[in-house]
Protein backbone atom coordinates (compact mmCIF):
# COMPACT_ATOMS: atom_id res chain seq x y z
CA MET A 1 109.95 25.57 132.23
CA PRO A 2 108.21 28.68 130.88
CA GLY A 3 109.77 32.02 131.67
CA ILE A 4 110.46 35.57 130.59
CA VAL A 5 112.24 35.92 127.24
CA THR A 6 112.28 39.71 127.12
CA TYR A 7 110.58 42.62 128.83
CA GLY A 8 109.74 46.26 128.26
CA ALA A 9 108.15 49.19 130.01
CA TYR A 10 106.64 52.57 129.35
CA ILE A 11 106.10 55.53 131.67
CA PRO A 12 104.65 58.79 130.35
CA ARG A 13 107.06 61.70 130.81
CA TYR A 14 104.51 63.98 132.47
CA ARG A 15 104.51 64.41 136.27
CA VAL A 16 102.50 66.22 138.89
CA THR A 17 103.88 66.67 142.39
CA VAL A 18 102.14 65.88 145.66
CA GLU A 19 102.83 69.49 146.64
CA GLU A 20 100.97 70.78 143.55
CA ILE A 21 97.90 68.67 144.33
CA ALA A 22 97.99 69.38 148.06
CA LYS A 23 98.08 73.18 147.71
CA VAL A 24 94.85 73.08 145.65
CA TRP A 25 93.05 71.27 148.48
CA GLY A 26 94.66 73.14 151.35
CA LYS A 27 96.62 70.14 152.61
CA ASP A 28 100.13 69.99 154.04
CA PRO A 29 102.26 68.28 151.33
CA GLN A 30 104.86 67.25 153.93
CA ASP A 31 102.26 65.27 155.88
CA ILE A 32 101.04 63.55 152.70
CA SER A 33 104.50 62.75 151.33
CA HIS A 34 105.64 61.42 154.70
CA GLY A 35 102.59 59.17 155.00
CA LEU A 36 102.70 57.84 151.43
CA PHE A 37 106.47 57.92 150.71
CA VAL A 38 105.50 59.51 147.35
CA THR A 39 106.55 62.96 146.13
CA GLU A 40 105.22 62.91 142.55
CA LYS A 41 103.39 60.69 140.09
CA SER A 42 103.33 59.97 136.36
CA VAL A 43 100.48 61.37 134.29
CA PRO A 44 99.36 60.20 130.82
CA GLY A 45 99.62 62.51 127.84
CA VAL A 46 96.34 63.86 126.48
CA ASP A 47 96.56 61.29 123.68
CA GLU A 48 97.62 58.32 125.85
CA ASP A 49 95.52 55.53 127.30
CA THR A 50 95.91 51.88 128.32
CA ILE A 51 96.13 50.77 124.68
CA THR A 52 98.91 53.17 123.69
CA ILE A 53 100.83 52.46 126.91
CA ALA A 54 100.50 48.68 126.45
CA TYR A 55 101.64 48.99 122.84
CA GLU A 56 104.70 51.07 123.71
CA ALA A 57 105.77 48.72 126.54
CA SER A 58 105.38 45.75 124.18
CA ARG A 59 107.34 47.49 121.43
CA GLN A 60 110.17 48.12 123.88
CA ALA A 61 110.19 44.41 124.81
CA LEU A 62 110.16 43.16 121.22
CA ALA A 63 112.98 45.50 120.19
CA ARG A 64 115.37 43.61 122.46
CA ILE A 65 115.14 40.25 120.65
CA ASP A 66 114.73 38.79 117.18
CA ILE A 67 111.40 36.99 117.11
CA ASP A 68 108.86 35.93 114.51
CA LEU A 69 105.74 37.83 115.59
CA GLN A 70 103.55 35.11 114.10
CA LYS A 71 104.84 32.74 116.79
CA ILE A 72 103.25 34.87 119.50
CA ASP A 73 100.20 32.71 120.12
CA ALA A 74 98.77 34.56 123.12
CA LEU A 75 98.35 38.17 124.23
CA TYR A 76 96.61 39.26 127.43
CA ILE A 77 96.29 42.77 128.87
CA GLY A 78 95.46 43.36 132.52
CA SER A 79 94.06 46.79 133.36
CA GLU A 80 91.31 48.55 135.25
CA SER A 81 91.24 51.44 132.79
CA HIS A 82 90.55 49.79 129.43
CA PRO A 83 89.32 52.58 127.12
CA TYR A 84 86.20 50.66 126.07
CA ALA A 85 83.60 48.85 128.17
CA VAL A 86 82.81 46.67 125.15
CA LYS A 87 85.76 46.30 122.76
CA PRO A 88 89.01 44.59 123.69
CA SER A 89 92.25 46.52 124.08
CA SER A 90 94.22 43.35 123.35
CA VAL A 91 93.26 42.97 119.69
CA THR A 92 94.12 46.60 118.96
CA VAL A 93 97.57 46.18 120.53
CA ALA A 94 98.15 42.86 118.71
CA THR A 95 97.20 44.39 115.35
CA ALA A 96 99.39 47.45 115.93
CA LEU A 97 102.33 45.18 116.74
CA GLY A 98 101.77 43.12 113.59
CA ILE A 99 100.70 39.87 115.26
CA ASP A 100 98.59 37.61 113.02
CA ASN A 101 94.94 36.63 113.57
CA HIS A 102 95.50 33.26 115.22
CA TYR A 103 96.18 33.84 118.92
CA PHE A 104 94.59 33.45 122.34
CA THR A 105 93.58 36.81 123.75
CA ALA A 106 91.44 38.63 126.30
CA ASP A 107 91.27 41.78 128.36
CA LEU A 108 91.63 41.00 132.05
CA GLU A 109 90.32 42.83 135.10
CA PHE A 110 91.13 42.16 138.75
CA ALA A 111 92.02 45.62 139.97
CA CYS A 112 95.81 45.92 140.30
CA LYS A 113 96.64 42.22 139.96
CA ALA A 114 95.28 41.86 136.42
CA GLY A 115 98.81 42.04 135.00
CA THR A 116 100.06 39.07 137.02
CA ALA A 117 96.84 37.24 136.10
CA ALA A 118 97.94 37.69 132.47
CA MET A 119 101.29 36.14 133.38
CA GLN A 120 99.56 33.15 134.95
CA ILE A 121 97.48 32.50 131.84
CA VAL A 122 100.41 32.85 129.45
CA SER A 123 102.61 30.62 131.66
CA SER A 124 99.90 27.95 131.70
CA LEU A 125 99.44 28.06 127.92
CA LEU A 126 103.20 27.66 127.48
CA ALA A 127 103.37 24.81 129.99
CA CYS A 128 100.65 22.82 128.20
CA ARG A 129 102.19 23.66 124.79
CA LYS A 130 99.22 25.58 123.46
CA ALA A 131 101.47 28.58 122.75
CA ARG A 132 105.02 29.07 121.52
CA TYR A 133 105.32 32.59 122.90
CA GLY A 134 102.92 34.85 124.74
CA LEU A 135 102.70 38.51 125.73
CA ALA A 136 101.57 39.35 129.27
CA ILE A 137 100.91 43.05 129.81
CA GLY A 138 99.85 45.21 132.73
CA ALA A 139 98.94 48.82 131.91
CA ASP A 140 96.83 51.54 133.47
CA THR A 141 95.92 55.20 133.52
CA ALA A 142 94.70 55.13 137.10
CA GLN A 143 91.75 57.18 138.31
CA GLY A 144 91.53 59.27 141.45
CA LYS A 145 88.65 61.56 142.40
CA PRO A 146 89.69 65.20 142.81
CA GLY A 147 90.49 65.83 146.46
CA ASP A 148 90.48 62.13 147.36
CA ALA A 149 93.51 60.44 148.94
CA LEU A 150 93.90 58.34 145.76
CA GLU A 151 94.59 61.46 143.70
CA TYR A 152 98.07 61.77 145.22
CA THR A 153 99.23 58.36 143.96
CA ALA A 154 97.02 57.19 141.04
CA ALA A 155 99.51 57.15 138.16
CA ALA A 156 100.07 55.85 134.61
CA GLY A 157 102.44 53.27 133.15
CA GLY A 158 102.80 49.81 131.67
CA ALA A 159 105.02 46.75 131.57
CA ALA A 160 105.11 43.93 129.00
CA PHE A 161 106.73 40.50 129.15
CA VAL A 162 107.26 38.15 126.23
CA MET A 163 107.23 34.67 127.70
CA GLY A 164 108.46 31.45 126.13
CA SER A 165 109.75 28.00 127.03
CA LYS A 166 112.98 27.52 125.05
CA ARG A 167 115.77 27.02 127.59
CA GLU A 168 118.29 28.90 125.47
CA GLU A 169 116.05 32.01 125.34
CA VAL A 170 114.51 32.32 128.80
CA ILE A 171 116.18 35.02 130.92
CA ALA A 172 114.10 34.33 134.06
CA GLU A 173 112.49 30.95 134.62
CA VAL A 174 109.09 30.71 136.30
CA GLU A 175 109.84 28.38 139.19
CA ASP A 176 106.27 28.47 140.49
CA TYR A 177 103.19 30.62 141.04
CA ALA A 178 100.28 30.65 143.47
CA SER A 179 97.21 32.74 144.36
CA PHE A 180 95.22 33.81 147.40
CA ALA A 181 91.81 35.53 147.27
CA SER A 182 88.72 36.44 149.27
CA ASP A 183 85.66 38.68 148.96
CA THR A 184 87.08 41.74 150.73
CA PRO A 185 85.66 44.85 149.01
CA ASP A 186 88.15 47.54 149.98
CA PHE A 187 88.11 49.40 146.65
CA TRP A 188 85.46 49.42 143.94
CA ARG A 189 84.07 51.39 141.01
CA GLY A 190 80.49 51.02 139.85
CA LYS A 191 79.49 50.54 136.25
CA TYR A 192 78.63 54.18 135.58
CA ASN A 193 81.11 55.79 137.99
CA LYS A 194 84.16 57.65 136.71
CA TYR A 195 86.10 57.39 139.97
CA PRO A 196 86.56 54.54 142.44
CA SER A 197 85.55 54.46 146.09
CA HIS A 198 87.57 52.87 148.87
CA SER A 199 87.32 51.80 152.50
CA GLU A 200 90.01 54.24 153.64
CA ARG A 201 92.10 52.69 156.45
CA PHE A 202 90.55 49.26 155.85
CA THR A 203 92.35 49.12 152.49
CA GLY A 204 95.44 48.28 154.55
CA MET A 205 94.04 45.79 157.02
CA PRO A 206 92.29 43.46 156.37
CA ALA A 207 92.58 44.03 152.61
CA TYR A 208 96.16 44.60 151.39
CA PHE A 209 98.09 42.95 154.21
CA LYS A 210 95.76 39.98 154.57
CA HIS A 211 96.28 39.08 150.93
CA VAL A 212 99.89 40.10 150.23
CA VAL A 213 101.18 38.55 153.45
CA GLY A 214 98.73 35.63 153.25
CA ALA A 215 99.64 34.77 149.66
CA THR A 216 103.37 34.95 150.32
CA GLU A 217 103.14 32.90 153.53
CA HIS A 218 101.02 30.35 151.65
CA TYR A 219 103.80 30.04 149.09
CA PHE A 220 106.48 29.83 151.79
CA LYS A 221 104.61 26.93 153.39
CA LYS A 222 103.99 25.20 150.07
CA ALA A 223 107.60 25.55 148.86
CA LYS A 224 109.20 25.14 152.31
CA CYS A 225 111.16 28.40 151.99
CA LEU A 226 111.64 31.73 153.76
CA ALA A 227 112.47 35.32 152.83
CA LYS A 228 116.20 34.63 153.14
CA ASP A 229 115.96 32.21 150.19
CA PHE A 230 115.36 35.10 147.76
CA ASP A 231 117.74 37.72 146.47
CA LYS A 232 115.06 40.27 145.56
CA ALA A 233 111.37 40.77 146.29
CA VAL A 234 108.65 42.88 144.70
CA PHE A 235 105.31 43.70 146.33
CA HIS A 236 102.37 45.64 144.95
CA MET A 237 102.83 49.33 145.70
CA PRO A 238 99.64 51.33 146.37
CA ASN A 239 101.97 53.69 148.24
CA GLY A 240 105.51 53.51 149.55
CA LYS A 241 104.56 52.47 153.09
CA PHE A 242 102.54 49.27 152.48
CA PRO A 243 105.18 47.22 150.60
CA ARG A 244 107.82 48.15 153.17
CA VAL A 245 105.61 47.01 156.04
CA ALA A 246 104.62 43.78 154.26
CA ALA A 247 108.26 43.00 153.50
CA LYS A 248 109.25 43.50 157.13
CA VAL A 249 106.41 41.30 158.39
CA LEU A 250 107.50 38.54 156.00
CA GLY A 251 111.15 38.77 157.03
CA PHE A 252 112.61 40.60 154.03
CA LYS A 253 115.38 43.15 154.44
CA GLU A 254 115.32 46.64 152.93
CA SER A 255 118.16 45.60 150.59
CA GLN A 256 115.92 42.90 149.07
CA ILE A 257 113.11 45.30 148.09
CA LYS A 258 114.77 48.70 147.51
CA ASP A 259 115.29 48.23 143.74
CA SER A 260 111.59 47.47 143.23
CA LEU A 261 110.16 50.57 144.92
CA VAL A 262 109.20 52.58 141.84
CA VAL A 263 106.15 53.95 143.66
CA ASP A 264 108.37 56.43 145.50
CA LEU A 265 109.24 58.02 142.15
CA ILE A 266 106.15 57.66 139.94
CA GLY A 267 103.19 56.72 142.14
CA ASN A 268 100.88 53.70 141.88
CA THR A 269 100.49 52.47 138.30
CA TYR A 270 97.83 49.93 139.35
CA SER A 271 98.03 46.83 137.09
CA ALA A 272 101.58 47.79 136.13
CA SER A 273 102.75 48.45 139.70
CA SER A 274 104.33 45.14 140.73
CA LEU A 275 105.34 44.46 137.10
CA LEU A 276 107.27 47.73 136.82
CA GLY A 277 108.93 46.79 140.10
CA LEU A 278 109.96 43.53 138.45
CA VAL A 279 111.27 45.42 135.39
CA ARG A 280 113.47 47.60 137.57
CA VAL A 281 114.81 44.53 139.39
CA LEU A 282 115.50 42.73 136.09
CA ASP A 283 117.39 45.80 134.83
CA LYS A 284 120.02 45.01 137.50
CA ALA A 285 119.56 41.23 137.87
CA LYS A 286 122.41 38.73 137.76
CA PRO A 287 122.33 35.06 136.76
CA GLY A 288 121.27 32.77 139.58
CA GLU A 289 119.27 35.37 141.50
CA ARG A 290 115.81 34.37 142.72
CA ILE A 291 113.07 36.98 142.63
CA LEU A 292 109.72 36.81 144.43
CA VAL A 293 106.83 38.95 143.15
CA THR A 294 103.53 39.32 145.02
CA SER A 295 100.83 41.44 143.39
CA TYR A 296 97.59 42.68 144.92
CA GLY A 297 94.21 43.44 143.44
CA SER A 298 91.43 45.05 145.44
CA GLY A 299 88.30 43.03 145.96
CA SER A 300 90.58 41.10 146.81
CA GLY A 301 93.43 38.80 145.74
CA SER A 302 97.17 38.33 145.34
CA ASP A 303 99.34 36.34 142.95
CA VAL A 304 102.82 35.11 143.85
CA PHE A 305 105.48 34.43 141.21
CA VAL A 306 108.99 33.11 141.77
CA PHE A 307 111.58 33.66 139.03
CA LYS A 308 115.14 32.41 138.74
CA VAL A 309 117.42 34.53 136.56
CA THR A 310 119.42 32.57 133.96
CA ASP A 311 122.73 33.18 132.17
CA ASN A 312 120.74 34.26 129.10
CA ILE A 313 120.07 37.66 130.67
CA LYS A 314 123.65 38.60 129.75
CA ASN A 315 122.78 38.11 126.06
CA LEU A 316 119.56 40.13 126.06
CA ARG A 317 119.85 43.11 123.73
CA LYS A 318 120.15 46.34 125.68
CA GLY A 319 117.09 48.54 125.79
CA GLN A 320 116.01 51.68 127.60
CA LYS A 321 116.21 51.09 131.33
CA LEU A 322 113.34 52.02 133.59
CA ASN A 323 115.43 54.52 135.53
CA SER A 324 115.99 56.57 132.36
CA MET A 325 112.22 56.72 131.77
CA ILE A 326 111.69 57.81 135.36
CA LYS A 327 114.23 60.62 134.97
CA ASP A 328 112.77 61.86 131.65
CA LYS A 329 109.99 64.08 132.93
CA LYS A 330 108.04 67.28 132.48
CA TYR A 331 106.03 68.80 135.31
CA LEU A 332 102.42 69.90 134.96
CA SER A 333 100.36 72.41 136.90
CA TYR A 334 97.23 71.08 138.59
CA GLY A 335 95.09 72.53 135.79
CA GLU A 336 97.21 70.87 133.09
CA TYR A 337 97.10 67.60 135.03
CA CYS A 338 93.29 67.81 135.12
CA LYS A 339 93.19 68.25 131.32
CA HIS A 340 95.51 65.28 130.79
CA THR A 341 93.43 62.97 132.97
CA GLY A 342 90.00 64.10 131.75
CA LYS A 343 88.98 65.63 135.08
CA ILE A 344 88.04 68.71 133.07
CA VAL A 345 87.04 68.50 129.41
CA GLN A 346 87.24 71.33 126.90
CA ASN A 347 84.17 71.50 124.63
């Protein structure tokens, strides 16, 4: 079975608090924090974008194992903030890492589930023996219009997973995966628009909950299982409230999801959101544990992955844990945050 061989993550060290944003727009930060379960978010450096974040997350993953880079036969990056409209991020990252010219690659877009879409493609290539190893990456520098509700949570970060199929190397087997999708336009950004628009309260129902709950229930029915059959669960985190509600509806306990809730600490990293939740769970995972991951991408769709942790996780070379990245931070004023995210540009 294909599975995860190693993993890595990257979160920029810069932060802006909900309180800092709220005071600019005359809002009560307590009301916003209480509603979103978020107190601050990660912000990219002035010289950081999806490519640099994807590269750094991949470098972190590769540092934990000894691998011939020329055996990485696939590399896919999911993001909704690729720096170029026409020029792939994936080939730049592959070249920077030192991967040779002969590999399957593409940039993927499906709002915040593009990272799990990359995992599906790499898993399929491994299963049909078209690839020896593959890199699946989710990375974003999320956009939020000044003053919009999205500005309080739209964050930056990335996660990368080297996947393979050698039993002696896989630290988390892919037991199965499934998808659920419909044309439900709750969030969109036009071709020439800098910032996205959204359907406000309708982004919850019917959009997020219809797909996250629907996809997971579809898998439960297909696999004849329930929430109690999993040790940990990860759900896409547009804010801190939605994944908690979805988990409760599906029958999961707080103890099953608490390790995954990175949104409370760094905001919504879009295509990296559910994947960073998985990284944080893997940082503490024990052999034999089963992990369910359900992503969500606006427009709309969800992917479900089920992983089973193997004994090999004990042999994985230690790397920087996600919690240490979360704690390494420097706060910005609202003006500095605007410079970092290109909301204001100095001529």
